[in-house]
C-alpha atoms as a PDB file:
ATOM      1  CA  MET A   1     -10.809 -14.588  -6.956  1.00  0.00           C
ATOM      2  CA  PHE A   2      -7.788 -14.108  -9.200  1.00  0.00           C
ATOM      3  CA  VAL A   3      -6.657 -14.915 -12.738  1.00  0.00           C
ATOM      4  CA  THR A   4      -3.228 -16.488 -13.241  1.00  0.00           C
ATOM      5  CA  ASP A   5      -0.802 -16.085 -16.075  1.00  0.00           C
ATOM      6  CA  THR A   6       1.148 -19.019 -17.484  1.00  0.00           C
ATOM      7  CA  HIS A   7       4.478 -18.489 -15.732  1.00  0.00           C
ATOM      8  CA  ALA A   8       2.889 -18.101 -12.309  1.00  0.00           C
ATOM      9  CA  LEU A   9       0.845 -21.257 -12.860  1.00  0.00           C
ATOM     10  CA  VAL A  10       3.899 -23.213 -14.039  1.00  0.00           C
ATOM     11  CA  HIS A  11       6.000 -22.111 -11.057  1.00  0.00           C
ATOM     12  CA  HIS A  12       3.222 -23.168  -8.730  1.00  0.00           C
ATOM     13  CA  ILE A  13       2.441 -26.579 -10.245  1.00  0.00           C
ATOM     14  CA  THR A  14       6.094 -27.551 -10.684  1.00  0.00           C
ATOM     15  CA  GLY A  15       6.979 -26.757  -7.073  1.00  0.00           C
ATOM     16  CA  ARG A  16       9.142 -23.738  -7.877  1.00  0.00           C
ATOM     17  CA  LYS A  17       7.196 -21.524  -5.494  1.00  0.00           C
ATOM     18  CA  SER A  18      10.327 -19.553  -4.571  1.00  0.00           C
ATOM     19  CA  ARG A  19      10.135 -18.015  -8.065  1.00  0.00           C
ATOM     20  CA  LEU A  20       6.735 -16.521  -7.237  1.00  0.00           C
ATOM     21  CA  GLY A  21       6.369 -13.112  -5.652  1.00  0.00           C
ATOM     22  CA  ARG A  22       5.329 -13.177  -1.992  1.00  0.00           C
ATOM     23  CA  ARG A  23       1.725 -12.112  -2.646  1.00  0.00           C
ATOM     24  CA  ALA A  24       1.408 -14.514  -5.587  1.00  0.00           C
ATOM     25  CA  ARG A  25       2.735 -17.392  -3.450  1.00  0.00           C
ATOM     26  CA  ASN A  26       0.244 -16.552  -0.684  1.00  0.00           C
ATOM     27  CA  ILE A  27      -2.652 -16.606  -3.151  1.00  0.00           C
ATOM     28  CA  PHE A  28      -1.642 -20.001  -4.554  1.00  0.00           C
ATOM     29  CA  ASP A  29      -1.252 -21.334  -0.995  1.00  0.00           C
ATOM     30  CA  ARG A  30      -4.804 -20.189  -0.283  1.00  0.00           C
ATOM     31  CA  VAL A  31      -5.992 -21.854  -3.510  1.00  0.00           C
ATOM     32  CA  ASP A  32      -4.335 -25.106  -2.380  1.00  0.00           C
ATOM     33  CA  LYS A  33      -6.243 -24.859   0.921  1.00  0.00           C
ATOM     34  CA  ALA A  34      -9.511 -24.106  -0.951  1.00  0.00           C
ATOM     35  CA  ALA A  35      -9.652 -20.705   0.744  1.00  0.00           C
ATOM     36  CA  GLU A  36      -9.348 -18.848  -2.575  1.00  0.00           C
ATOM     37  CA  THR A  37     -10.566 -19.376  -6.132  1.00  0.00           C
ATOM     38  CA  ILE A  38      -8.466 -19.019  -9.254  1.00  0.00           C
ATOM     39  CA  LEU A  39      -9.430 -18.633 -12.891  1.00  0.00           C
ATOM     40  CA  ILE A  40      -6.994 -20.266 -15.314  1.00  0.00           C
ATOM     41  CA  PRO A  41      -7.300 -18.839 -18.826  1.00  0.00           C
ATOM     42  CA  PHE A  42      -7.658 -21.331 -21.670  1.00  0.00           C
ATOM     43  CA  THR A  43      -4.638 -19.650 -23.247  1.00  0.00           C
ATOM     44  CA  ALA A  44      -2.495 -20.364 -20.164  1.00  0.00           C
ATOM     45  CA  LEU A  45      -3.473 -24.036 -20.357  1.00  0.00           C
ATOM     46  CA  GLU A  46      -2.631 -24.075 -24.050  1.00  0.00           C
ATOM     47  CA  GLU A  47       0.820 -22.674 -23.256  1.00  0.00           C
ATOM     48  CA  VAL A  48       1.332 -25.265 -20.492  1.00  0.00           C
ATOM     49  CA  MET A  49       0.426 -27.995 -22.973  1.00  0.00           C
ATOM     50  CA  LEU A  50       2.948 -26.713 -25.527  1.00  0.00           C
ATOM     51  CA  LEU A  51       5.671 -26.293 -22.878  1.00  0.00           C
ATOM     52  CA  SER A  52       5.112 -29.801 -21.532  1.00  0.00           C
ATOM     53  CA  GLU A  53       5.129 -31.320 -25.026  1.00  0.00           C
ATOM     54  CA  ALA A  54       8.423 -29.527 -25.761  1.00  0.00           C
ATOM     55  CA  GLY A  55       9.895 -30.928 -22.543  1.00  0.00           C
ATOM     56  CA  LYS A  56      10.366 -27.475 -21.015  1.00  0.00           C
ATOM     57  CA  VAL A  57       7.924 -28.153 -18.162  1.00  0.00           C
ATOM     58  CA  ARG A  58       7.445 -31.375 -16.237  1.00  0.00           C
ATOM     59  CA  LEU A  59       3.877 -31.614 -14.989  1.00  0.00           C
ATOM     60  CA  PRO A  60       2.978 -33.731 -11.955  1.00  0.00           C
ATOM     61  CA  LEU A  61       0.465 -35.608 -14.175  1.00  0.00           C
ATOM     62  CA  PRO A  62       0.063 -36.197 -17.909  1.00  0.00           C
ATOM     63  CA  PHE A  63      -1.427 -33.021 -19.409  1.00  0.00           C
ATOM     64  CA  ARG A  64      -4.884 -34.510 -20.039  1.00  0.00           C
ATOM     65  CA  ASP A  65      -5.110 -35.780 -16.455  1.00  0.00           C
ATOM     66  CA  PHE A  66      -3.830 -32.438 -15.179  1.00  0.00           C
ATOM     67  CA  VAL A  67      -6.584 -30.503 -16.971  1.00  0.00           C
ATOM     68  CA  ILE A  68      -9.256 -32.976 -15.874  1.00  0.00           C
ATOM     69  CA  SER A  69      -8.129 -32.654 -12.250  1.00  0.00           C
ATOM     70  CA  LEU A  70      -8.289 -28.864 -12.531  1.00  0.00           C
ATOM     71  CA  SER A  71     -11.772 -29.033 -14.007  1.00  0.00           C
ATOM     72  CA  GLN A  72     -12.939 -31.147 -11.059  1.00  0.00           C
ATOM     73  CA  SER A  73     -11.546 -28.742  -8.478  1.00  0.00           C
ATOM     74  CA  GLU A  74     -14.249 -26.670  -6.781  1.00  0.00           C
ATOM     75  CA  ASN A  75     -12.087 -23.581  -6.465  1.00  0.00           C
ATOM     76  CA  VAL A  76     -10.583 -23.581  -9.975  1.00  0.00           C
ATOM     77  CA  ASP A  77     -12.421 -22.060 -12.922  1.00  0.00           C
ATOM     78  CA  LEU A  78     -11.167 -22.787 -16.409  1.00  0.00           C
ATOM     79  CA  GLY A  79     -11.502 -19.883 -18.799  1.00  0.00           C
ATOM     80  CA  VAL A  80     -12.942 -20.229 -22.280  1.00  0.00           C
ATOM     81  CA  ASN A  81     -11.728 -18.339 -25.323  1.00  0.00           C
ATOM     82  CA  ASP A  82     -14.636 -16.683 -27.078  1.00  0.00           C
ATOM     83  CA  MET A  83     -15.344 -13.720 -29.339  1.00  0.00           C
ATOM     84  CA  GLN A  84     -15.592 -11.253 -26.444  1.00  0.00           C
ATOM     85  CA  LEU A  85     -12.098 -12.227 -25.275  1.00  0.00           C
ATOM     86  CA  LEU A  86     -10.697 -11.992 -28.786  1.00  0.00           C
ATOM     87  CA  LEU A  87     -12.180  -8.543 -29.344  1.00  0.00           C
ATOM     88  CA  GLU A  88     -10.852  -7.353 -25.981  1.00  0.00           C
ATOM     89  CA  ALA A  89      -7.378  -8.746 -26.752  1.00  0.00           C
ATOM     90  CA  ALA A  90      -7.366  -7.104 -30.181  1.00  0.00           C
ATOM     91  CA  SER A  91      -7.289  -3.680 -28.551  1.00  0.00           C
ATOM     92  CA  PHE A  92      -4.045  -4.339 -26.621  1.00  0.00           C
ATOM     93  CA  THR A  93      -1.601  -3.447 -29.354  1.00  0.00           C
ATOM     94  CA  THR A  94       1.020  -2.389 -26.785  1.00  0.00           C
ATOM     95  CA  LEU A  95       1.459  -6.031 -25.706  1.00  0.00           C
ATOM     96  CA  ARG A  96       3.472  -7.971 -28.271  1.00  0.00           C
ATOM     97  CA  ASP A  97       2.833 -11.514 -27.078  1.00  0.00           C
ATOM     98  CA  PRO A  98      -0.540 -12.828 -28.349  1.00  0.00           C
ATOM     99  CA  TYR A  99      -0.852 -15.207 -25.378  1.00  0.00           C
ATOM    100  CA  ASP A 100      -0.315 -12.329 -22.946  1.00  0.00           C
ATOM    101  CA  ARG A 101      -2.979 -10.328 -24.754  1.00  0.00           C
ATOM    102  CA  LEU A 102      -5.555 -13.106 -24.318  1.00  0.00           C
ATOM    103  CA  ILE A 103      -4.607 -13.683 -20.675  1.00  0.00           C
ATOM    104  CA  VAL A 104      -4.931  -9.958 -19.911  1.00  0.00           C
ATOM    105  CA  ALA A 105      -8.245  -9.937 -21.782  1.00  0.00           C
ATOM    106  CA  GLN A 106      -9.464 -12.810 -19.569  1.00  0.00           C
ATOM    107  CA  ALA A 107      -8.639 -10.829 -16.422  1.00  0.00           C
ATOM    108  CA  ARG A 108     -10.250  -7.662 -17.769  1.00  0.00           C
ATOM    109  CA  VAL A 109     -13.437  -9.367 -18.964  1.00  0.00           C
ATOM    110  CA  ALA A 110     -13.729 -11.167 -15.612  1.00  0.00           C
ATOM    111  CA  GLY A 111     -12.947  -7.941 -13.724  1.00  0.00           C
ATOM    112  CA  LEU A 112     -10.266  -9.711 -11.685  1.00  0.00           C
ATOM    113  CA  PRO A 113      -6.625  -9.019 -10.820  1.00  0.00           C
ATOM    114  CA  LEU A 114      -3.974 -10.983 -12.687  1.00  0.00           C
ATOM    115  CA  ILE A 115      -1.223 -12.905 -10.909  1.00  0.00           C
ATOM    116  CA  THR A 116       1.824 -12.098 -13.027  1.00  0.00           C
ATOM    117  CA  GLY A 117       5.469 -11.259 -12.712  1.00  0.00           C
ATOM    118  CA  ASP A 118       5.562 -10.112 -16.334  1.00  0.00           C
ATOM    119  CA  GLU A 119       6.926  -6.576 -16.213  1.00  0.00           C
ATOM    120  CA  GLU A 120       5.494  -5.646 -19.611  1.00  0.00           C
ATOM    121  CA  ILE A 121       1.985  -6.544 -18.423  1.00  0.00           C
ATOM    122  CA  GLN A 122       2.538  -4.798 -15.090  1.00  0.00           C
ATOM    123  CA  ARG A 123       3.758  -1.611 -16.807  1.00  0.00           C
ATOM    124  CA  SER A 124       0.922  -1.655 -19.350  1.00  0.00           C
ATOM    125  CA  GLY A 125      -1.672  -0.602 -16.791  1.00  0.00           C
ATOM    126  CA  LEU A 126      -4.261  -2.652 -18.697  1.00  0.00           C
ATOM    127  CA  VAL A 127      -5.130  -4.790 -15.686  1.00  0.00           C
ATOM    128  CA  ARG A 128      -4.609  -4.870 -11.924  1.00  0.00           C
ATOM    129  CA  THR A 129      -1.704  -7.174 -11.146  1.00  0.00           C
ATOM    130  CA  VAL A 130      -0.538  -9.104  -8.098  1.00  0.00           C
ATOM    131  CA  TRP A 131       2.989 -10.376  -7.580  1.00  0.00           C
ATOM    132  CA  ALA A 132       5.429  -8.995  -4.985  1.00  0.00           C
END
C-alpha cells in the first residue's frame, strides 16, 4: 500500500503517465489492475478540486463523480484530515507548502511510503518516498 501526492495523482488520472517516475508508474499500473492499494490524502483531493476548478487540470469526470468513483473502488482508500494529522504536520517546519505538510503527515501516520517526485519532500527525509 502506498500514499500518493497530488502531482503524481494528477499525472496518473490525466493520462500523463510519462511524467511519472518508473517506479511510481508501475505502482499506479498495479493500482489500475487492483493488484495494489493506494491511499489518497484528503488534502490531495482538495488540491485536485482547486486545480480542476481553476481549469489547470481536466479530470476524466466531474470532480464530484470522480471522488465518488474513487470512494467506491476497493483498492483506493481516501484519507481523512483529523487532529492527529494536523499535529503531525505542524512539526514539519522545514516544508513550506502546507498541502505538502499534510500529505507527508498522512504517509507518516499511516506508516506508508509516499509516491512523490517533489524534491523538497524527498530531501526532507521525513517519509520514505517512491518515484524513479
